[in-house]
PDB file of N, CA and C in Angstrom:
ATOM      1  N   UNK A   1     -30.701  30.160   4.754  1.00  0.00           N
ATOM      2  CA  UNK A   1     -29.816  29.380   5.590  1.00  0.00           C
ATOM      3  C   UNK A   1     -30.658  28.512   6.515  1.00  0.00           C
ATOM      4  N   UNK A   2     -30.204  27.299   6.708  1.00  0.00           N
ATOM      5  CA  UNK A   2     -30.877  26.378   7.628  1.00  0.00           C
ATOM      6  C   UNK A   2     -30.411  26.701   9.035  1.00  0.00           C
ATOM      7  N   UNK A   3     -31.348  27.019   9.904  1.00  0.00           N
ATOM      8  CA  UNK A   3     -30.946  27.392  11.256  1.00  0.00           C
ATOM      9  C   UNK A   3     -31.595  26.536  12.340  1.00  0.00           C
ATOM     10  N   UNK A   4     -32.227  25.450  11.941  1.00  0.00           N
ATOM     11  CA  UNK A   4     -32.863  24.560  12.916  1.00  0.00           C
ATOM     12  C   UNK A   4     -31.871  23.561  13.496  1.00  0.00           C
ATOM     13  N   UNK A   5     -32.301  22.795  14.498  1.00  0.00           N
ATOM     14  CA  UNK A   5     -31.420  21.788  15.084  1.00  0.00           C
ATOM     15  C   UNK A   5     -31.138  20.663  14.079  1.00  0.00           C
ATOM     16  N   UNK A   6     -29.976  20.064  14.195  1.00  0.00           N
ATOM     17  CA  UNK A   6     -29.580  18.961  13.315  1.00  0.00           C
ATOM     18  C   UNK A   6     -29.356  17.729  14.171  1.00  0.00           C
ATOM     19  N   UNK A   7     -30.215  16.719  13.960  1.00  0.00           N
ATOM     20  CA  UNK A   7     -30.087  15.465  14.698  1.00  0.00           C
ATOM     21  C   UNK A   7     -29.095  14.534  14.008  1.00  0.00           C
ATOM     22  N   UNK A   8     -28.927  14.689  12.713  1.00  0.00           N
ATOM     23  CA  UNK A   8     -28.009  13.827  11.963  1.00  0.00           C
ATOM     24  C   UNK A   8     -26.573  14.178  12.308  1.00  0.00           C
ATOM     25  N   UNK A   9     -25.769  13.144  12.517  1.00  0.00           N
ATOM     26  CA  UNK A   9     -24.343  13.368  12.749  1.00  0.00           C
ATOM     27  C   UNK A   9     -23.555  12.225  12.106  1.00  0.00           C
ATOM     28  N   UNK A  10     -22.271  12.343  12.122  1.00  0.00           N
ATOM     29  CA  UNK A  10     -21.427  11.380  11.423  1.00  0.00           C
ATOM     30  C   UNK A  10     -21.545   9.965  12.015  1.00  0.00           C
ATOM     31  N   UNK A  11     -21.998   9.872  13.230  1.00  0.00           N
ATOM     32  CA  UNK A  11     -22.155   8.566  13.872  1.00  0.00           C
ATOM     33  C   UNK A  11     -23.475   7.875  13.588  1.00  0.00           C
ATOM     34  N   UNK A  12     -24.493   8.635  13.127  1.00  0.00           N
ATOM     35  CA  UNK A  12     -25.789   7.978  12.940  1.00  0.00           C
ATOM     36  C   UNK A  12     -26.323   8.009  11.510  1.00  0.00           C
ATOM     37  N   UNK A  13     -25.733   8.798  10.621  1.00  0.00           N
ATOM     38  CA  UNK A  13     -26.229   8.772   9.239  1.00  0.00           C
ATOM     39  C   UNK A  13     -25.765   7.490   8.558  1.00  0.00           C
ATOM     40  N   UNK A  14     -26.480   7.113   7.517  1.00  0.00           N
ATOM     41  CA  UNK A  14     -26.178   5.887   6.761  1.00  0.00           C
ATOM     42  C   UNK A  14     -26.111   4.673   7.679  1.00  0.00           C
ATOM     43  N   UNK A  15     -27.068   4.615   8.601  1.00  0.00           N
ATOM     44  CA  UNK A  15     -27.192   3.495   9.544  1.00  0.00           C
ATOM     45  C   UNK A  15     -25.936   3.269  10.383  1.00  0.00           C
ATOM     46  N   UNK A  16     -25.212   4.330  10.659  1.00  0.00           N
ATOM     47  CA  UNK A  16     -24.026   4.229  11.510  1.00  0.00           C
ATOM     48  C   UNK A  16     -22.808   3.612  10.839  1.00  0.00           C
ATOM     49  N   UNK A  17     -22.814   3.506   9.532  1.00  0.00           N
ATOM     50  CA  UNK A  17     -21.700   2.835   8.838  1.00  0.00           C
ATOM     51  C   UNK A  17     -20.467   3.704   8.652  1.00  0.00           C
ATOM     52  N   UNK A  18     -20.571   5.000   8.866  1.00  0.00           N
ATOM     53  CA  UNK A  18     -19.432   5.892   8.612  1.00  0.00           C
ATOM     54  C   UNK A  18     -18.228   5.539   9.497  1.00  0.00           C
ATOM     55  N   UNK A  19     -18.373   5.456  10.825  1.00  0.00           N
ATOM     56  CA  UNK A  19     -17.210   5.117  11.645  1.00  0.00           C
ATOM     57  C   UNK A  19     -16.637   3.726  11.320  1.00  0.00           C
ATOM     58  N   UNK A  20     -17.504   2.783  11.022  1.00  0.00           N
ATOM     59  CA  UNK A  20     -17.055   1.420  10.706  1.00  0.00           C
ATOM     60  C   UNK A  20     -16.222   1.396   9.427  1.00  0.00           C
ATOM     61  N   UNK A  21     -16.687   2.063   8.414  1.00  0.00           N
ATOM     62  CA  UNK A  21     -15.948   2.087   7.145  1.00  0.00           C
ATOM     63  C   UNK A  21     -14.668   2.902   7.259  1.00  0.00           C
ATOM     64  N   UNK A  22     -14.709   3.980   8.023  1.00  0.00           N
ATOM     65  CA  UNK A  22     -13.499   4.760   8.270  1.00  0.00           C
ATOM     66  C   UNK A  22     -12.433   3.882   8.914  1.00  0.00           C
ATOM     67  N   UNK A  23     -12.811   3.144   9.943  1.00  0.00           N
ATOM     68  CA  UNK A  23     -11.869   2.280  10.646  1.00  0.00           C
ATOM     69  C   UNK A  23     -11.307   1.209   9.710  1.00  0.00           C
ATOM     70  N   UNK A  24     -12.158   0.639   8.867  1.00  0.00           N
ATOM     71  CA  UNK A  24     -11.720  -0.384   7.907  1.00  0.00           C
ATOM     72  C   UNK A  24     -10.648   0.169   6.965  1.00  0.00           C
ATOM     73  N   UNK A  25     -10.882   1.343   6.403  1.00  0.00           N
ATOM     74  CA  UNK A  25      -9.916   1.941   5.474  1.00  0.00           C
ATOM     75  C   UNK A  25      -8.653   2.394   6.204  1.00  0.00           C
ATOM     76  N   UNK A  26      -8.795   2.885   7.426  1.00  0.00           N
ATOM     77  CA  UNK A  26      -7.627   3.307   8.201  1.00  0.00           C
ATOM     78  C   UNK A  26      -6.723   2.108   8.499  1.00  0.00           C
ATOM     79  N   UNK A  27      -7.308   0.961   8.789  1.00  0.00           N
ATOM     80  CA  UNK A  27      -6.511  -0.247   9.027  1.00  0.00           C
ATOM     81  C   UNK A  27      -5.725  -0.634   7.776  1.00  0.00           C
ATOM     82  N   UNK A  28      -6.336  -0.477   6.600  1.00  0.00           N
ATOM     83  CA  UNK A  28      -5.627  -0.762   5.354  1.00  0.00           C
ATOM     84  C   UNK A  28      -4.428   0.170   5.192  1.00  0.00           C
ATOM     85  N   UNK A  29      -4.614   1.442   5.532  1.00  0.00           N
ATOM     86  CA  UNK A  29      -3.519   2.406   5.424  1.00  0.00           C
ATOM     87  C   UNK A  29      -2.406   2.063   6.409  1.00  0.00           C
ATOM     88  N   UNK A  30      -2.750   1.756   7.640  1.00  0.00           N
ATOM     89  CA  UNK A  30      -1.739   1.430   8.645  1.00  0.00           C
ATOM     90  C   UNK A  30      -0.975   0.164   8.279  1.00  0.00           C
ATOM     91  N   UNK A  31      -1.667  -0.828   7.721  1.00  0.00           N
ATOM     92  CA  UNK A  31      -0.989  -2.054   7.269  1.00  0.00           C
ATOM     93  C   UNK A  31      -0.043  -1.739   6.123  1.00  0.00           C
ATOM     94  N   UNK A  32      -0.447  -0.827   5.237  1.00  0.00           N
ATOM     95  CA  UNK A  32       0.394  -0.444   4.118  1.00  0.00           C
ATOM     96  C   UNK A  32       1.642   0.292   4.613  1.00  0.00           C
ATOM     97  N   UNK A  33       1.501   1.130   5.608  1.00  0.00           N
ATOM     98  CA  UNK A  33       2.656   1.840   6.175  1.00  0.00           C
ATOM     99  C   UNK A  33       3.628   0.845   6.802  1.00  0.00           C
ATOM    100  N   UNK A  34       3.111  -0.172   7.463  1.00  0.00           N
ATOM    101  CA  UNK A  34       3.954  -1.169   8.123  1.00  0.00           C
ATOM    102  C   UNK A  34       4.618  -2.125   7.129  1.00  0.00           C
ATOM    103  N   UNK A  35       4.128  -2.205   5.914  1.00  0.00           N
ATOM    104  CA  UNK A  35       4.657  -3.118   4.899  1.00  0.00           C
ATOM    105  C   UNK A  35       6.014  -2.609   4.412  1.00  0.00           C
ATOM    106  N   UNK A  36       7.076  -3.382   4.645  1.00  0.00           N
ATOM    107  CA  UNK A  36       8.424  -2.964   4.257  1.00  0.00           C
ATOM    108  C   UNK A  36       8.611  -2.912   2.738  1.00  0.00           C
ATOM    109  N   UNK A  37       7.669  -3.428   1.991  1.00  0.00           N
ATOM    110  CA  UNK A  37       7.760  -3.411   0.532  1.00  0.00           C
ATOM    111  C   UNK A  37       7.173  -2.147  -0.087  1.00  0.00           C
ATOM    112  N   UNK A  38       6.712  -1.202   0.737  1.00  0.00           N
ATOM    113  CA  UNK A  38       6.159   0.045   0.218  1.00  0.00           C
ATOM    114  C   UNK A  38       7.061   1.212   0.600  1.00  0.00           C
ATOM    115  N   UNK A  39       6.922   2.306  -0.116  1.00  0.00           N
ATOM    116  CA  UNK A  39       7.715   3.508   0.135  1.00  0.00           C
ATOM    117  C   UNK A  39       7.286   4.108   1.476  1.00  0.00           C
ATOM    118  N   UNK A  40       8.200   4.194   2.437  1.00  0.00           N
ATOM    119  CA  UNK A  40       7.814   4.697   3.757  1.00  0.00           C
ATOM    120  C   UNK A  40       7.436   6.174   3.766  1.00  0.00           C
ATOM    121  N   UNK A  41       7.863   6.926   2.751  1.00  0.00           N
ATOM    122  CA  UNK A  41       7.588   8.359   2.729  1.00  0.00           C
ATOM    123  C   UNK A  41       6.414   8.733   1.829  1.00  0.00           C
ATOM    124  N   UNK A  42       5.838   7.753   1.115  1.00  0.00           N
ATOM    125  CA  UNK A  42       4.705   8.049   0.233  1.00  0.00           C
ATOM    126  C   UNK A  42       3.492   8.431   1.076  1.00  0.00           C
ATOM    127  N   UNK A  43       2.761   9.405   0.598  1.00  0.00           N
ATOM    128  CA  UNK A  43       1.558   9.843   1.315  1.00  0.00           C
ATOM    129  C   UNK A  43       0.409   8.881   1.028  1.00  0.00           C
ATOM    130  N   UNK A  44      -0.354   8.604   2.047  1.00  0.00           N
ATOM    131  CA  UNK A  44      -1.558   7.792   1.925  1.00  0.00           C
ATOM    132  C   UNK A  44      -2.750   8.739   2.041  1.00  0.00           C
ATOM    133  N   UNK A  45      -3.861   8.368   1.417  1.00  0.00           N
ATOM    134  CA  UNK A  45      -5.023   9.251   1.395  1.00  0.00           C
ATOM    135  C   UNK A  45      -6.272   8.468   1.791  1.00  0.00           C
ATOM    136  N   UNK A  46      -7.097   9.059   2.628  1.00  0.00           N
ATOM    137  CA  UNK A  46      -8.384   8.473   3.002  1.00  0.00           C
ATOM    138  C   UNK A  46      -9.451   9.521   2.700  1.00  0.00           C
ATOM    139  N   UNK A  47     -10.433   9.135   1.904  1.00  0.00           N
ATOM    140  CA  UNK A  47     -11.470  10.070   1.472  1.00  0.00           C
ATOM    141  C   UNK A  47     -12.833   9.599   1.951  1.00  0.00           C
ATOM    142  N   UNK A  48     -13.549  10.495   2.607  1.00  0.00           N
ATOM    143  CA  UNK A  48     -14.948  10.285   2.971  1.00  0.00           C
ATOM    144  C   UNK A  48     -15.765  11.162   2.037  1.00  0.00           C
ATOM    145  N   UNK A  49     -16.729  10.566   1.343  1.00  0.00           N
ATOM    146  CA  UNK A  49     -17.540  11.352   0.414  1.00  0.00           C
ATOM    147  C   UNK A  49     -19.019  11.155   0.732  1.00  0.00           C
ATOM    148  N   UNK A  50     -19.689  12.262   0.864  1.00  0.00           N
ATOM    149  CA  UNK A  50     -21.126  12.263   1.119  1.00  0.00           C
ATOM    150  C   UNK A  50     -21.823  12.948  -0.045  1.00  0.00           C
ATOM    151  N   UNK A  51     -22.743  12.240  -0.672  1.00  0.00           N
ATOM    152  CA  UNK A  51     -23.559  12.841  -1.732  1.00  0.00           C
ATOM    153  C   UNK A  51     -24.963  12.963  -1.183  1.00  0.00           C
ATOM    154  N   UNK A  52     -25.491  14.165  -1.234  1.00  0.00           N
ATOM    155  CA  UNK A  52     -26.807  14.438  -0.670  1.00  0.00           C
ATOM    156  C   UNK A  52     -27.725  14.866  -1.807  1.00  0.00           C
ATOM    157  N   UNK A  53     -28.746  14.031  -2.065  1.00  0.00           N
ATOM    158  CA  UNK A  53     -29.682  14.286  -3.163  1.00  0.00           C
ATOM    159  C   UNK A  53     -31.048  14.649  -2.581  1.00  0.00           C
ATOM    160  N   UNK A  54     -31.401  15.939  -2.607  1.00  0.00           N
ATOM    161  CA  UNK A  54     -32.699  16.352  -2.060  1.00  0.00           C
ATOM    162  C   UNK A  54     -33.861  15.898  -2.947  1.00  0.00           C
ATOM    163  N   UNK A  55     -34.986  15.683  -2.312  1.00  0.00           N
ATOM    164  CA  UNK A  55     -36.199  15.360  -3.069  1.00  0.00           C
ATOM    165  C   UNK A  55     -36.707  16.647  -3.742  1.00  0.00           C
ATOM    166  N   UNK A  56     -37.536  16.515  -4.783  1.00  0.00           N
ATOM    167  CA  UNK A  56     -38.040  17.715  -5.477  1.00  0.00           C
ATOM    168  C   UNK A  56     -38.778  18.691  -4.563  1.00  0.00           C
ATOM    169  N   UNK A  57     -39.479  18.164  -3.530  1.00  0.00           N
ATOM    170  CA  UNK A  57     -40.213  19.071  -2.639  1.00  0.00           C
ATOM    171  C   UNK A  57     -39.343  19.615  -1.504  1.00  0.00           C
ATOM    172  N   UNK A  58     -38.077  19.221  -1.458  1.00  0.00           N
ATOM    173  CA  UNK A  58     -37.085  19.683  -0.478  1.00  0.00           C
ATOM    174  C   UNK A  58     -37.436  19.333   0.965  1.00  0.00           C
ATOM    175  N   UNK A  59     -38.245  18.288   1.147  1.00  0.00           N
ATOM    176  CA  UNK A  59     -38.629  17.873   2.501  1.00  0.00           C
ATOM    177  C   UNK A  59     -37.801  16.696   2.998  1.00  0.00           C
ATOM    178  N   UNK A  60     -36.987  16.129   2.132  1.00  0.00           N
ATOM    179  CA  UNK A  60     -36.129  15.012   2.525  1.00  0.00           C
ATOM    180  C   UNK A  60     -34.944  14.956   1.557  1.00  0.00           C
ATOM    181  N   UNK A  61     -34.036  14.095   1.871  1.00  0.00           N
ATOM    182  CA  UNK A  61     -32.871  13.901   0.998  1.00  0.00           C
ATOM    183  C   UNK A  61     -32.328  12.496   1.213  1.00  0.00           C
ATOM    184  N   UNK A  62     -31.658  11.973   0.215  1.00  0.00           N
ATOM    185  CA  UNK A  62     -30.983  10.680   0.317  1.00  0.00           C
ATOM    186  C   UNK A  62     -29.490  10.975   0.413  1.00  0.00           C
ATOM    187  N   UNK A  63     -28.863  10.389   1.439  1.00  0.00           N
ATOM    188  CA  UNK A  63     -27.425  10.568   1.623  1.00  0.00           C
ATOM    189  C   UNK A  63     -26.738   9.283   1.186  1.00  0.00           C
ATOM    190  N   UNK A  64     -25.801   9.403   0.280  1.00  0.00           N
ATOM    191  CA  UNK A  64     -24.991   8.267  -0.152  1.00  0.00           C
ATOM    192  C   UNK A  64     -23.576   8.524   0.336  1.00  0.00           C
ATOM    193  N   UNK A  65     -23.034   7.546   1.024  1.00  0.00           N
ATOM    194  CA  UNK A  65     -21.711   7.690   1.634  1.00  0.00           C
ATOM    195  C   UNK A  65     -20.731   6.718   0.996  1.00  0.00           C
ATOM    196  N   UNK A  66     -19.534   7.206   0.736  1.00  0.00           N
ATOM    197  CA  UNK A  66     -18.457   6.360   0.238  1.00  0.00           C
ATOM    198  C   UNK A  66     -17.181   6.669   0.996  1.00  0.00           C
ATOM    199  N   UNK A  67     -16.394   5.649   1.226  1.00  0.00           N
ATOM    200  CA  UNK A  67     -15.125   5.792   1.929  1.00  0.00           C
ATOM    201  C   UNK A  67     -14.094   4.981   1.166  1.00  0.00           C
ATOM    202  N   UNK A  68     -12.983   5.615   0.799  1.00  0.00           N
ATOM    203  CA  UNK A  68     -11.958   4.885   0.068  1.00  0.00           C
ATOM    204  C   UNK A  68     -10.585   5.384   0.477  1.00  0.00           C
ATOM    205  N   UNK A  69      -9.621   4.504   0.310  1.00  0.00           N
ATOM    206  CA  UNK A  69      -8.245   4.881   0.610  1.00  0.00           C
ATOM    207  C   UNK A  69      -7.405   4.721  -0.646  1.00  0.00           C
ATOM    208  N   UNK A  70      -6.367   5.510  -0.699  1.00  0.00           N
ATOM    209  CA  UNK A  70      -5.417   5.420  -1.798  1.00  0.00           C
ATOM    210  C   UNK A  70      -4.062   5.152  -1.157  1.00  0.00           C
ATOM    211  N   UNK A  71      -3.524   3.973  -1.446  1.00  0.00           N
ATOM    212  CA  UNK A  71      -2.258   3.576  -0.847  1.00  0.00           C
ATOM    213  C   UNK A  71      -1.273   3.204  -1.948  1.00  0.00           C
ATOM    214  N   UNK A  72       0.012   3.442  -1.701  1.00  0.00           N
ATOM    215  CA  UNK A  72       0.996   3.086  -2.726  1.00  0.00           C
ATOM    216  C   UNK A  72       1.185   1.585  -2.805  1.00  0.00           C
ATOM    217  N   UNK A  73       1.487   1.116  -3.990  1.00  0.00           N
ATOM    218  CA  UNK A  73       1.786  -0.299  -4.175  1.00  0.00           C
ATOM    219  C   UNK A  73       3.209  -0.600  -3.740  1.00  0.00           C
ATOM    220  N   UNK A  74       3.588  -1.821  -3.928  1.00  0.00           N
ATOM    221  CA  UNK A  74       4.934  -2.246  -3.569  1.00  0.00           C
ATOM    222  C   UNK A  74       5.956  -1.499  -4.429  1.00  0.00           C
ATOM    223  N   UNK A  75       7.083  -1.180  -3.828  1.00  0.00           N
ATOM    224  CA  UNK A  75       8.137  -0.503  -4.569  1.00  0.00           C
ATOM    225  C   UNK A  75       8.774  -1.472  -5.556  1.00  0.00           C
ATOM    226  N   UNK A  76       9.248  -0.941  -6.659  1.00  0.00           N
ATOM    227  CA  UNK A  76       9.876  -1.768  -7.682  1.00  0.00           C
ATOM    228  C   UNK A  76      11.241  -2.250  -7.187  1.00  0.00           C
ATOM    229  N   UNK A  77      11.575  -3.452  -7.567  1.00  0.00           N
ATOM    230  CA  UNK A  77      12.849  -4.052  -7.209  1.00  0.00           C
ATOM    231  C   UNK A  77      13.501  -4.528  -8.499  1.00  0.00           C
ATOM    232  N   UNK A  78      14.811  -4.350  -8.616  1.00  0.00           N
ATOM    233  CA  UNK A  78      15.490  -4.822  -9.820  1.00  0.00           C
ATOM    234  C   UNK A  78      16.769  -5.552  -9.456  1.00  0.00           C
ATOM    235  N   UNK A  79      17.202  -6.408 -10.348  1.00  0.00           N
ATOM    236  CA  UNK A  79      18.466  -7.111 -10.194  1.00  0.00           C
ATOM    237  C   UNK A  79      18.953  -7.481 -11.588  1.00  0.00           C
ATOM    238  N   UNK A  80      20.149  -7.993 -11.661  1.00  0.00           N
ATOM    239  CA  UNK A  80      20.718  -8.385 -12.949  1.00  0.00           C
ATOM    240  C   UNK A  80      20.560  -9.887 -13.151  1.00  0.00           C
ATOM    241  N   UNK A  81      20.567 -10.269 -14.403  1.00  0.00           N
ATOM    242  CA  UNK A  81      20.539 -11.677 -14.759  1.00  0.00           C
ATOM    243  C   UNK A  81      21.558 -11.856 -15.883  1.00  0.00           C
ATOM    244  N   UNK A  82      22.303 -12.936 -15.825  1.00  0.00           N
ATOM    245  CA  UNK A  82      23.386 -13.174 -16.782  1.00  0.00           C
ATOM    246  C   UNK A  82      23.080 -14.434 -17.586  1.00  0.00           C
ATOM    247  N   UNK A  83      23.471 -14.407 -18.837  1.00  0.00           N
ATOM    248  CA  UNK A  83      23.226 -15.520 -19.735  1.00  0.00           C
ATOM    249  C   UNK A  83      24.555 -16.108 -20.183  1.00  0.00           C
ATOM    250  N   UNK A  84      24.643 -17.422 -20.156  1.00  0.00           N
ATOM    251  CA  UNK A  84      25.833 -18.121 -20.631  1.00  0.00           C
ATOM    252  C   UNK A  84      25.446 -19.541 -21.009  1.00  0.00           C
ATOM    253  N   UNK A  85      25.873 -19.957 -22.193  1.00  0.00           N
ATOM    254  CA  UNK A  85      25.656 -21.330 -22.654  1.00  0.00           C
ATOM    255  C   UNK A  85      24.192 -21.745 -22.560  1.00  0.00           C
ATOM    256  N   UNK A  86      23.304 -20.840 -22.946  1.00  0.00           N
ATOM    257  CA  UNK A  86      21.878 -21.169 -22.973  1.00  0.00           C
ATOM    258  C   UNK A  86      21.216 -21.249 -21.609  1.00  0.00           C
ATOM    259  N   UNK A  87      21.854 -20.757 -20.575  1.00  0.00           N
ATOM    260  CA  UNK A  87      21.276 -20.766 -19.235  1.00  0.00           C
ATOM    261  C   UNK A  87      21.264 -19.345 -18.683  1.00  0.00           C
ATOM    262  N   UNK A  88      20.464 -19.139 -17.641  1.00  0.00           N
ATOM    263  CA  UNK A  88      20.380 -17.830 -16.983  1.00  0.00           C
ATOM    264  C   UNK A  88      20.868 -17.973 -15.548  1.00  0.00           C
ATOM    265  N   UNK A  89      21.636 -16.979 -15.111  1.00  0.00           N
ATOM    266  CA  UNK A  89      22.216 -17.005 -13.775  1.00  0.00           C
ATOM    267  C   UNK A  89      21.939 -15.677 -13.069  1.00  0.00           C
ATOM    268  N   UNK A  90      21.820 -15.730 -11.743  1.00  0.00           N
ATOM    269  CA  UNK A  90      21.644 -14.504 -10.969  1.00  0.00           C
ATOM    270  C   UNK A  90      22.983 -13.871 -10.611  1.00  0.00           C
ATOM    271  N   UNK A  91      24.068 -14.618 -10.767  1.00  0.00           N
ATOM    272  CA  UNK A  91      25.412 -14.086 -10.567  1.00  0.00           C
ATOM    273  C   UNK A  91      26.212 -14.345 -11.834  1.00  0.00           C
ATOM    274  N   UNK A  92      27.117 -13.462 -12.148  1.00  0.00           N
ATOM    275  CA  UNK A  92      27.918 -13.568 -13.364  1.00  0.00           C
ATOM    276  C   UNK A  92      28.812 -14.808 -13.268  1.00  0.00           C
ATOM    277  N   UNK A  93      28.585 -15.817 -14.108  1.00  0.00           N
ATOM    278  CA  UNK A  93      29.380 -17.048 -14.017  1.00  0.00           C
ATOM    279  C   UNK A  93      30.854 -16.816 -14.344  1.00  0.00           C
ATOM    280  N   UNK A  94      31.178 -15.737 -15.045  1.00  0.00           N
ATOM    281  CA  UNK A  94      32.575 -15.446 -15.371  1.00  0.00           C
ATOM    282  C   UNK A  94      33.347 -15.000 -14.134  1.00  0.00           C
ATOM    283  N   UNK A  95      32.651 -14.574 -13.085  1.00  0.00           N
ATOM    284  CA  UNK A  95      33.320 -14.079 -11.885  1.00  0.00           C
ATOM    285  C   UNK A  95      33.626 -15.194 -10.894  1.00  0.00           C
ATOM    286  N   UNK A  96      33.057 -16.363 -11.085  1.00  0.00           N
ATOM    287  CA  UNK A  96      33.258 -17.453 -10.126  1.00  0.00           C
ATOM    288  C   UNK A  96      34.736 -17.779  -9.965  1.00  0.00           C
ATOM    289  N   UNK A  97      35.477 -17.745 -11.053  1.00  0.00           N
ATOM    290  CA  UNK A  97      36.903 -18.075 -10.981  1.00  0.00           C
ATOM    291  C   UNK A  97      37.675 -17.062 -10.137  1.00  0.00           C
ATOM    292  N   UNK A  98      37.211 -15.837 -10.085  1.00  0.00           N
ATOM    293  CA  UNK A  98      37.914 -14.814  -9.307  1.00  0.00           C
ATOM    294  C   UNK A  98      37.850 -15.076  -7.805  1.00  0.00           C
ATOM    295  N   UNK A  99      36.782 -15.735  -7.376  1.00  0.00           N
ATOM    296  CA  UNK A  99      36.581 -15.937  -5.952  1.00  0.00           C
ATOM    297  C   UNK A  99      36.709 -17.399  -5.532  1.00  0.00           C
ATOM    298  N   UNK A 100      37.181 -18.241  -6.447  1.00  0.00           N
ATOM    299  CA  UNK A 100      37.361 -19.657  -6.117  1.00  0.00           C
ATOM    300  C   UNK A 100      38.472 -19.771  -5.080  1.00  0.00           C
ATOM    301  N   UNK A 101      38.282 -20.658  -4.134  1.00  0.00           N
ATOM    302  CA  UNK A 101      39.296 -20.856  -3.104  1.00  0.00           C
ATOM    303  C   UNK A 101      40.467 -21.614  -3.724  1.00  0.00           C
ATOM    304  N   UNK A 102      41.654 -21.081  -3.485  1.00  0.00           N
ATOM    305  CA  UNK A 102      42.844 -21.747  -3.980  1.00  0.00           C
ATOM    306  C   UNK A 102      43.195 -22.865  -3.019  1.00  0.00           C
ATOM    307  N   UNK A 103      43.851 -23.863  -3.548  1.00  0.00           N
ATOM    308  CA  UNK A 103      44.290 -24.972  -2.704  1.00  0.00           C
ATOM    309  C   UNK A 103      45.296 -24.430  -1.692  1.00  0.00           C
ATOM    310  N   UNK A 104      45.217 -24.885  -0.449  1.00  0.00           N
ATOM    311  CA  UNK A 104      46.152 -24.372   0.537  1.00  0.00           C
ATOM    312  C   UNK A 104      47.593 -24.701   0.136  1.00  0.00           C
ATOM    313  N   UNK A 105      48.464 -23.773   0.398  1.00  0.00           N
ATOM    314  CA  UNK A 105      49.871 -23.979   0.069  1.00  0.00           C
ATOM    315  C   UNK A 105      50.443 -25.090   0.935  1.00  0.00           C
ATOM    316  N   UNK A 106      51.229 -25.934   0.329  1.00  0.00           N
ATOM    317  CA  UNK A 106      51.849 -27.013   1.088  1.00  0.00           C
ATOM    318  C   UNK A 106      53.145 -26.493   1.700  1.00  0.00           C
ATOM    319  N   UNK A 107      53.375 -26.860   2.932  1.00  0.00           N
ATOM    320  CA  UNK A 107      54.607 -26.378   3.564  1.00  0.00           C
ATOM    321  C   UNK A 107      55.843 -26.937   2.856  1.00  0.00           C
ATOM    322  N   UNK A 108      56.867 -26.142   2.760  1.00  0.00           N
ATOM    323  CA  UNK A 108      58.098 -26.573   2.125  1.00  0.00           C
ATOM    324  C   UNK A 108      58.889 -27.441   3.082  1.00  0.00           C
ATOM    325  N   UNK A 109      59.461 -28.486   2.532  1.00  0.00           N
ATOM    326  CA  UNK A 109      60.291 -29.370   3.358  1.00  0.00           C
ATOM    327  C   UNK A 109      61.588 -28.660   3.706  1.00  0.00           C
ATOM    328  N   UNK A 110      62.005 -28.852   4.906  1.00  0.00           N
ATOM    329  CA  UNK A 110      63.238 -28.201   5.329  1.00  0.00           C
ATOM    330  C   UNK A 110      64.334 -29.165   5.538  1.00  0.00           C
TER     331      UNK A 110
END
């Protein structure tokens, strides 16, 4: 077991890039949460990964750091499209007659 003091910390390893990259990915997650086109209840994930490769003589090691986020994409949206006479419509053209305004009734002469 290693029982000596440890000078390395999350703020100074990898030239201090850990907090900066964490903040960058967190901003992406917060923007995704605020986006009304995404599922508000979907879980977002932020992963910090440290790979530590010791040298053969065990006197040093190389630390490789990665930070990534997993955010949901935009939610799917669907609508209907209607076809008539070689054209496409977003509203059923057969229904237009149902909602057409009738001519106002003329008052009867008395």
